[in-house]
Structures are given as structure tokens and as C-alpha cells.
Amino acid sequence: QVQLVESGGGLVQTGESLRVSCAASGHTFSNYAMGWFRQAPGKEREFVAAVTQNGAGTYYTDSVKGRFTISRDNAKNTMYLQMNSLKPEDTGVYYCTQAAQRWSVIGPLSTPGQLYWGQGTQVTVSS
């Protein structure tokens, strides 16, 4: 049974930083790609970032490149998203995801059924 538990969301002002974390259990963590998606009010859920199984490869949606950093600690079964220079348009519920298939990748074309999902953590950036 895969469990993904996010933490670290909150309310910040424009330009500030926030780090969200995802603690995973149920699979051998290092065998699976991990990623973050987000959903803003009234919008569809979108891909934010992903990291490969060993952490060597990272991928970002264009709107967060240079501001967000995804990472993972396989010894702690935890993934992180460091968010700097936050903007109001970054507001949304951030979801931790894990690939359902070993050695598969996560990206903007991933479908919900290809991933395990956490319950989400709210990030609100005020202007």
C-alpha cells in the first residue's frame, strides 16, 4: 500500500520561499520516479516538476524553471520541492506523486492512473 504524505504548505507573500516535503512508504522508494503536480482554483491540475529514481535527472514546467528545485533523499524516503521567488500564480494545492510502474518517468503527459497521489498541501501566495 503506497502512502504519500505532503507537508510544509502555507501562506507566504510574493517573493518569499517555501519548501514542501513528501514522505513516501509502501514501495522501495529509490525504484520510482517522483513528481509534483498542482491545481489552482478553477483550473486543471498541472505538472510542476519531477525527479528520476536516483535524483540525477530533474524536469520542470517552464513557469517554475529557475525558481523551484525538486530533490529527493532516498535514505529518508522523502522528496522535496524548494520554491523560491513565489508568485501569486503559484497558489494551489500541491500534490506529491509517485510513478506506479518501476523505472517509468513522470511528466506533463502522465495520466492520473499512471501515478500514486498524496492528499495535497495548500500553498497560498499573497500579493
C-alpha atoms as a PDB file:
ATOM      1  CA  GLN A   1       0.000   0.000   0.000  1.00  0.00           C
ATOM      2  CA  VAL A   2       1.663   3.199  -1.199  1.00  0.00           C
ATOM      3  CA  GLN A   3       1.267   6.216   1.051  1.00  0.00           C
ATOM      4  CA  LEU A   4       2.392   9.712   0.151  1.00  0.00           C
ATOM      5  CA  VAL A   5       2.130  12.397   2.802  1.00  0.00           C
ATOM      6  CA  GLU A   6       2.836  16.017   1.962  1.00  0.00           C
ATOM      7  CA  SER A   7       3.784  18.681   4.462  1.00  0.00           C
ATOM      8  CA  GLY A   8       5.123  22.215   4.531  1.00  0.00           C
ATOM      9  CA  GLY A   9       2.455  24.158   2.697  1.00  0.00           C
ATOM     10  CA  GLY A  10       1.275  27.502   3.969  1.00  0.00           C
ATOM     11  CA  LEU A  11       0.660  31.169   3.325  1.00  0.00           C
ATOM     12  CA  VAL A  12       3.523  33.364   2.137  1.00  0.00           C
ATOM     13  CA  GLN A  13       3.912  36.708   0.432  1.00  0.00           C
ATOM     14  CA  THR A  14       5.110  37.337  -3.103  1.00  0.00           C
ATOM     15  CA  GLY A  15       8.836  36.827  -3.391  1.00  0.00           C
ATOM     16  CA  GLU A  16       9.155  34.610  -0.352  1.00  0.00           C
ATOM     17  CA  SER A  17      10.207  30.974  -0.213  1.00  0.00           C
ATOM     18  CA  LEU A  18       8.606  27.752   0.936  1.00  0.00           C
ATOM     19  CA  ARG A  19       9.627  24.111   0.968  1.00  0.00           C
ATOM     20  CA  VAL A  20       7.142  21.297   0.721  1.00  0.00           C
ATOM     21  CA  SER A  21       8.020  17.705   1.511  1.00  0.00           C
ATOM     22  CA  CYS A  22       6.595  14.314   0.669  1.00  0.00           C
ATOM     23  CA  ALA A  23       7.189  11.264   2.810  1.00  0.00           C
ATOM     24  CA  ALA A  24       6.633   8.001   0.946  1.00  0.00           C
ATOM     25  CA  SER A  25       6.045   4.465   2.130  1.00  0.00           C
ATOM     26  CA  GLY A  26       4.914   1.182   0.687  1.00  0.00           C
ATOM     27  CA  HIS A  27       7.418   0.745  -2.150  1.00  0.00           C
ATOM     28  CA  THR A  28      11.167   0.677  -2.421  1.00  0.00           C
ATOM     29  CA  PHE A  29      11.430   4.425  -2.757  1.00  0.00           C
ATOM     30  CA  SER A  30      14.571   4.515  -4.880  1.00  0.00           C
ATOM     31  CA  ASN A  31      12.940   2.417  -7.619  1.00  0.00           C
ATOM     32  CA  TYR A  32      10.317   5.001  -8.546  1.00  0.00           C
ATOM     33  CA  ALA A  33      10.287   8.406 -10.152  1.00  0.00           C
ATOM     34  CA  MET A  34       8.643  11.119  -8.094  1.00  0.00           C
ATOM     35  CA  GLY A  35       6.947  14.345  -9.025  1.00  0.00           C
ATOM     36  CA  TRP A  36       4.833  17.309  -8.037  1.00  0.00           C
ATOM     37  CA  PHE A  37       1.610  18.477  -9.610  1.00  0.00           C
ATOM     38  CA  ARG A  38      -0.522  21.424  -8.563  1.00  0.00           C
ATOM     39  CA  GLN A  39      -4.071  22.605  -9.005  1.00  0.00           C
ATOM     40  CA  ALA A  40      -5.065  26.232  -8.803  1.00  0.00           C
ATOM     41  CA  PRO A  41      -8.642  27.264  -8.020  1.00  0.00           C
ATOM     42  CA  GLY A  42     -10.812  26.838 -11.091  1.00  0.00           C
ATOM     43  CA  LYS A  43      -8.013  25.310 -13.147  1.00  0.00           C
ATOM     44  CA  GLU A  44      -6.962  21.846 -14.155  1.00  0.00           C
ATOM     45  CA  ARG A  45      -4.216  20.035 -12.337  1.00  0.00           C
ATOM     46  CA  GLU A  46      -0.816  20.629 -13.954  1.00  0.00           C
ATOM     47  CA  PHE A  47       2.637  19.131 -13.859  1.00  0.00           C
ATOM     48  CA  VAL A  48       5.205  21.120 -11.879  1.00  0.00           C
ATOM     49  CA  ALA A  49       8.377  19.059 -11.538  1.00  0.00           C
ATOM     50  CA  ALA A  50       9.733  15.546 -11.495  1.00  0.00           C
ATOM     51  CA  VAL A  51      12.867  13.743 -10.398  1.00  0.00           C
ATOM     52  CA  THR A  52      14.291  10.454 -11.575  1.00  0.00           C
ATOM     53  CA  GLN A  53      14.798   7.429  -9.365  1.00  0.00           C
ATOM     54  CA  ASN A  54      18.364   8.302  -8.369  1.00  0.00           C
ATOM     55  CA  GLY A  55      17.801  12.051  -8.276  1.00  0.00           C
ATOM     56  CA  ALA A  56      20.188  12.759 -11.129  1.00  0.00           C
ATOM     57  CA  GLY A  57      17.509  13.939 -13.551  1.00  0.00           C
ATOM     58  CA  THR A  58      15.069  16.740 -12.868  1.00  0.00           C
ATOM     59  CA  TYR A  59      12.358  18.266 -15.024  1.00  0.00           C
ATOM     60  CA  TYR A  60      10.302  21.402 -14.604  1.00  0.00           C
ATOM     61  CA  THR A  61       7.407  23.136 -16.223  1.00  0.00           C
ATOM     62  CA  ASP A  62       8.573  26.353 -17.855  1.00  0.00           C
ATOM     63  CA  SER A  63       6.802  28.646 -15.411  1.00  0.00           C
ATOM     64  CA  VAL A  64       8.855  27.430 -12.431  1.00  0.00           C
ATOM     65  CA  LYS A  65      12.264  26.936 -14.027  1.00  0.00           C
ATOM     66  CA  GLY A  66      14.929  28.863 -12.159  1.00  0.00           C
ATOM     67  CA  ARG A  67      12.683  29.326  -9.119  1.00  0.00           C
ATOM     68  CA  PHE A  68      11.784  25.806  -7.968  1.00  0.00           C
ATOM     69  CA  THR A  69      14.131  22.946  -7.152  1.00  0.00           C
ATOM     70  CA  ILE A  70      12.982  19.356  -6.805  1.00  0.00           C
ATOM     71  CA  SER A  71      15.105  16.869  -4.910  1.00  0.00           C
ATOM     72  CA  ARG A  72      14.879  13.575  -3.089  1.00  0.00           C
ATOM     73  CA  ASP A  73      16.611  11.785  -0.266  1.00  0.00           C
ATOM     74  CA  ASN A  74      16.376   8.073  -0.929  1.00  0.00           C
ATOM     75  CA  ALA A  75      17.754   7.255   2.513  1.00  0.00           C
ATOM     76  CA  LYS A  76      14.825   9.101   4.084  1.00  0.00           C
ATOM     77  CA  ASN A  77      12.162   8.089   1.527  1.00  0.00           C
ATOM     78  CA  THR A  78      11.390  11.756   1.110  1.00  0.00           C
ATOM     79  CA  MET A  79      11.038  14.173  -1.779  1.00  0.00           C
ATOM     80  CA  TYR A  80      11.218  17.948  -1.581  1.00  0.00           C
ATOM     81  CA  LEU A  81      10.182  20.965  -3.591  1.00  0.00           C
ATOM     82  CA  GLN A  82      12.033  24.147  -2.731  1.00  0.00           C
ATOM     83  CA  MET A  83      10.058  27.106  -4.042  1.00  0.00           C
ATOM     84  CA  ASN A  84      11.740  30.499  -4.248  1.00  0.00           C
ATOM     85  CA  SER A  85      10.551  33.845  -5.575  1.00  0.00           C
ATOM     86  CA  LEU A  86       6.975  32.716  -5.203  1.00  0.00           C
ATOM     87  CA  LYS A  87       4.268  34.445  -7.211  1.00  0.00           C
ATOM     88  CA  PRO A  88       0.505  34.614  -6.687  1.00  0.00           C
ATOM     89  CA  GLU A  89       0.070  32.358  -9.717  1.00  0.00           C
ATOM     90  CA  ASP A  90       1.906  29.620  -7.811  1.00  0.00           C
ATOM     91  CA  THR A  91      -1.062  29.385  -5.472  1.00  0.00           C
ATOM     92  CA  GLY A  92      -2.739  25.997  -5.414  1.00  0.00           C
ATOM     93  CA  VAL A  93      -2.863  22.567  -3.902  1.00  0.00           C
ATOM     94  CA  TYR A  94       0.431  20.777  -4.425  1.00  0.00           C
ATOM     95  CA  TYR A  95       0.266  17.028  -4.885  1.00  0.00           C
ATOM     96  CA  CYS A  96       3.078  14.578  -4.409  1.00  0.00           C
ATOM     97  CA  THR A  97       3.117  11.745  -6.918  1.00  0.00           C
ATOM     98  CA  GLN A  98       4.985   8.513  -7.382  1.00  0.00           C
ATOM     99  CA  ALA A  99       5.148   6.547 -10.599  1.00  0.00           C
ATOM    100  CA  ALA A 100       3.021   3.422 -10.422  1.00  0.00           C
ATOM    101  CA  GLN A 101       5.450   1.455 -12.555  1.00  0.00           C
ATOM    102  CA  ARG A 102       9.029   0.833 -11.612  1.00  0.00           C
ATOM    103  CA  TRP A 103      11.514   2.656 -13.831  1.00  0.00           C
ATOM    104  CA  SER A 104       8.839   4.763 -15.566  1.00  0.00           C
ATOM    105  CA  VAL A 105       9.049   8.543 -15.764  1.00  0.00           C
ATOM    106  CA  ILE A 106       6.766  11.356 -14.661  1.00  0.00           C
ATOM    107  CA  GLY A 107       5.995  14.352 -16.804  1.00  0.00           C
ATOM    108  CA  PRO A 108       3.270  16.618 -18.152  1.00  0.00           C
ATOM    109  CA  LEU A 109       1.802  13.763 -20.203  1.00  0.00           C
ATOM    110  CA  SER A 110       1.441  11.459 -17.211  1.00  0.00           C
ATOM    111  CA  THR A 111      -2.158  10.424 -16.653  1.00  0.00           C
ATOM    112  CA  PRO A 112      -3.676  10.123 -13.172  1.00  0.00           C
ATOM    113  CA  GLY A 113      -3.834   6.340 -13.434  1.00  0.00           C
ATOM    114  CA  GLN A 114      -0.086   6.123 -14.037  1.00  0.00           C
ATOM    115  CA  LEU A 115       0.655   7.688 -10.650  1.00  0.00           C
ATOM    116  CA  TYR A 116       0.047   7.348  -6.946  1.00  0.00           C
ATOM    117  CA  TRP A 117      -1.139  10.588  -5.347  1.00  0.00           C
ATOM    118  CA  GLY A 118      -0.853  12.217  -1.982  1.00  0.00           C
ATOM    119  CA  GLN A 119      -3.683  14.142  -0.396  1.00  0.00           C
ATOM    120  CA  GLY A 120      -2.187  17.511  -1.280  1.00  0.00           C
ATOM    121  CA  THR A 121      -0.924  20.503   0.632  1.00  0.00           C
ATOM    122  CA  GLN A 122      -2.156  24.072   0.156  1.00  0.00           C
ATOM    123  CA  VAL A 123       0.274  26.759  -0.930  1.00  0.00           C
ATOM    124  CA  THR A 124      -1.049  30.303  -0.970  1.00  0.00           C
ATOM    125  CA  VAL A 125       0.976  33.254  -2.207  1.00  0.00           C
ATOM    126  CA  SER A 126      -0.477  36.642  -1.417  1.00  0.00           C
ATOM    127  CA  SER A 127       0.280  39.727  -3.481  1.00  0.00           C
END
